[in-house]
Protein backbone atom coordinates (compact mmCIF):
# COMPACT_ATOMS: atom_id res chain seq x y z
CA MET A 1 95.97 117.80 66.99
CA LYS A 2 93.94 114.75 67.90
CA ASN A 3 93.77 113.97 71.65
CA ILE A 4 94.51 110.27 72.11
CA THR A 5 95.66 110.59 75.74
CA PRO A 6 92.86 108.43 77.25
CA ARG A 7 93.63 105.60 74.82
CA LEU A 8 97.37 105.89 75.52
CA ILE A 9 96.76 105.74 79.27
CA GLU A 10 94.77 102.52 78.88
CA LEU A 11 97.54 100.92 76.82
CA PHE A 12 100.22 102.07 79.28
CA LYS A 13 98.20 100.64 82.18
CA HIS A 14 98.20 97.27 80.42
CA GLY A 15 101.93 97.06 79.79
CA PHE A 16 102.45 98.69 76.40
CA CYS A 17 105.75 100.30 77.40
CA THR A 18 109.26 99.28 76.50
CA PRO A 19 112.62 99.82 78.21
CA GLN A 20 114.81 102.58 76.82
CA ILE A 21 117.73 100.39 75.85
CA THR A 22 119.97 103.23 74.65
CA GLN A 23 119.64 105.07 77.97
CA LEU A 24 120.27 101.84 79.91
CA ALA A 25 123.36 101.13 77.82
CA LYS A 26 124.79 104.59 78.51
CA LYS A 27 124.10 104.37 82.24
CA MET A 28 125.56 100.85 82.54
CA LYS A 29 128.40 101.48 80.05
CA GLU A 30 127.48 98.30 78.18
CA PRO A 31 126.63 97.75 74.50
CA SER A 32 122.95 98.08 73.53
CA THR A 33 123.02 94.54 72.12
CA THR A 34 124.10 93.16 75.52
CA ILE A 35 121.30 95.06 77.28
CA HIS A 36 118.75 93.89 74.69
CA TYR A 37 119.87 90.24 74.95
CA ASN A 38 119.67 90.23 78.77
CA ILE A 39 116.26 91.91 78.82
CA LYS A 40 114.86 89.42 76.29
CA LYS A 41 116.29 86.54 78.35
CA MET A 42 114.61 87.84 81.54
CA GLU A 43 111.31 88.29 79.66
CA LYS A 44 111.49 84.73 78.30
CA GLU A 45 112.21 83.33 81.78
CA GLY A 46 109.26 85.27 83.20
CA ALA A 47 111.43 87.39 85.50
CA ILE A 48 110.05 90.52 83.81
CA LYS A 49 106.27 90.33 83.63
CA ALA A 50 105.43 93.77 82.21
CA TYR A 51 106.53 97.31 81.62
CA LYS A 52 104.19 100.00 82.85
CA ALA A 53 104.05 103.76 82.97
CA VAL A 54 104.13 105.45 86.37
CA PHE A 55 101.27 107.95 86.59
CA ASP A 56 100.35 110.94 88.66
CA TYR A 57 96.90 109.44 89.17
CA LYS A 58 95.22 112.73 90.03
CA LYS A 59 96.24 114.13 86.66
CA ILE A 60 94.65 111.24 84.77
CA GLY A 61 91.40 111.23 86.73
CA LEU A 62 92.11 108.25 88.99
CA GLY A 63 93.04 110.05 92.20
CA TYR A 64 90.88 108.02 94.61
CA CYS A 65 92.83 105.02 95.91
CA ALA A 66 91.39 102.53 98.38
CA TYR A 67 92.34 99.20 99.89
CA LEU A 68 89.61 96.64 100.52
CA LEU A 69 89.79 93.78 102.97
CA ILE A 70 87.27 91.21 101.78
CA ARG A 71 85.70 88.20 103.42
CA VAL A 72 83.95 85.81 101.04
CA SER A 73 81.02 83.54 101.80
CA GLN A 74 81.76 80.04 103.02
CA ASP A 75 80.69 78.45 99.73
CA LYS A 76 83.41 80.46 97.91
CA TYR A 77 86.13 79.92 100.53
CA GLY A 78 87.50 76.86 98.74
CA LYS A 79 87.34 78.70 95.41
CA ILE A 80 89.08 81.88 96.51
CA ASP A 81 91.33 81.87 93.40
CA ASP A 82 88.22 82.13 91.21
CA VAL A 83 86.98 85.16 93.13
CA CYS A 84 90.40 86.82 92.90
CA GLU A 85 90.69 86.16 89.17
CA LYS A 86 87.27 87.77 88.58
CA LEU A 87 88.17 90.78 90.71
CA ALA A 88 91.49 91.19 88.89
CA LYS A 89 89.71 91.59 85.55
CA HIS A 90 88.19 94.94 86.56
CA ASN A 91 90.02 98.03 85.25
CA GLU A 92 89.55 99.70 88.63
CA VAL A 93 91.57 96.99 90.39
CA GLU A 94 95.29 97.61 90.64
CA SER A 95 96.19 94.50 92.67
CA VAL A 96 94.55 91.48 94.31
CA ASP A 97 96.21 89.38 97.02
CA ILE A 98 95.06 86.36 99.01
CA VAL A 99 95.97 87.20 102.61
CA THR A 100 95.99 85.69 106.08
CA GLY A 101 94.06 86.91 109.09
CA ASP A 102 90.39 87.83 109.48
CA PHE A 103 89.92 88.42 105.74
CA GLU A 104 90.75 86.35 102.68
CA VAL A 105 91.44 89.00 100.03
CA LEU A 106 93.17 92.39 99.84
CA VAL A 107 92.29 94.57 96.85
CA LYS A 108 93.88 97.85 95.84
CA LEU A 109 91.75 99.91 93.52
CA ARG A 110 91.87 103.28 91.80
CA VAL A 111 88.86 105.25 90.66
CA LYS A 112 87.91 108.84 89.90
CA ASP A 113 86.09 109.65 93.15
CA SER A 114 84.02 108.32 96.06
CA ASP A 115 80.92 107.96 93.86
CA GLU A 116 82.73 105.66 91.46
CA TYR A 117 84.19 103.78 94.44
CA TYR A 118 80.71 103.28 95.90
CA GLN A 119 79.39 101.93 92.59
CA PHE A 120 82.28 99.47 92.38
CA ILE A 121 81.75 98.26 95.95
CA GLN A 122 78.04 97.75 95.36
CA TYR A 123 78.77 95.78 92.21
CA ILE A 124 81.28 93.38 93.77
CA ILE A 125 79.19 92.83 96.91
CA ASN A 126 76.22 91.89 94.75
CA ASN A 127 78.17 89.70 92.32
CA TYR A 128 81.05 87.97 94.12
CA SER A 129 79.62 86.36 97.26
CA ILE A 130 81.29 88.91 99.53
CA ILE A 131 79.93 88.87 103.06
CA LYS A 132 82.10 91.64 104.47
CA ALA A 133 84.29 94.39 103.04
CA VAL A 134 86.32 96.84 105.08
CA SER A 135 87.96 99.68 103.24
CA MET A 136 90.79 102.09 103.87
CA THR A 137 91.26 105.17 101.70
CA SER A 138 94.79 106.22 100.84
CA LEU A 139 95.21 109.92 101.59
CA LYS A 140 98.77 110.27 100.31
CA GLN A 141 101.32 107.77 99.02
CA PHE A 142 104.99 108.24 99.90
CA LYS A 143 106.49 105.21 98.21
CA SER A 144 105.36 102.61 95.73
CA GLU A 145 107.01 99.72 93.98
CA PHE A 146 107.78 102.05 91.06
CA VAL A 147 108.72 105.38 92.63
CA GLY A 148 110.73 106.00 95.79
């Protein structure tokens, strides 16, 4: 059988998942049509932004997770949204937040290993006017937005 797992993972990471309406209907004891209508309404209103698979990242080769605190150069300080939008386009980046404190940006990223992490850091430092980056490596995650 053809192995399409890497392609499926990429699609799942970008929101190509759908709710299991029949299972929701059984659990809520409501008709499937009612569940479907309410989900579509929330999607239209923007309350639901995406559906994503929850991965065991080690099993899909993305077991190295790090958080970066980034300070941008003064000429980019007024254009921080532009920097964040560019960072968010990288597949390695899981989230980007503008934050308060000594740094302007917080980035969560997932890569295969420390070598891939180092390459990514070198790239963004050389291309996004970053004057300082402090990183923290996640050793073990106990809770996320998706899994308790």
